[in-house]
Amino acid sequence: MPRKLVENLEVGMVVSQDLHDANGSLLLPAGTALNAQHIRVLRHWRVSVVNVDGPLGEELQWFNTNLDDLTDAQHITNEKRLQELFLYCRLDQLFVSRFFYYLLDRADRMAVAKAHKP
């Protein structure tokens, strides 16, 4: 598990260990595939080093997955699971709502990617 300076991170690299700030708060969980916004935010938070694995194979990059093969059942299951996690959150707040739908999109894309995995 290589440690990389934030300046050397690339989109698609996967966080191999939970990433915490100096106070112990979780910033990114292990298994997160980094995108450009993650890297930008890590720089903003002044994180210097991240434990990562190499980029995911193209077939597992959830952010490149087309949703044409997503079934209604998969989407409903993902939405219900997220609603349980957001039970005490106010979805009428802009940030919370955007975060919820970002995670729903991610869950939907990962479900399709996993279904197509050989």
Foldseek 3Di string as FASTA:
>chain_A
DDKDFLVPDDQQWFQQAFDADPVRHTDDHGGDGDDPVSSVVCVVVVPTITHTDDGDDPLQPLVPADLPPQDPVQLVVLLVVLCVVCVPPDCVDPVNVVVSVVSSSSSSSNVRSVVPDD
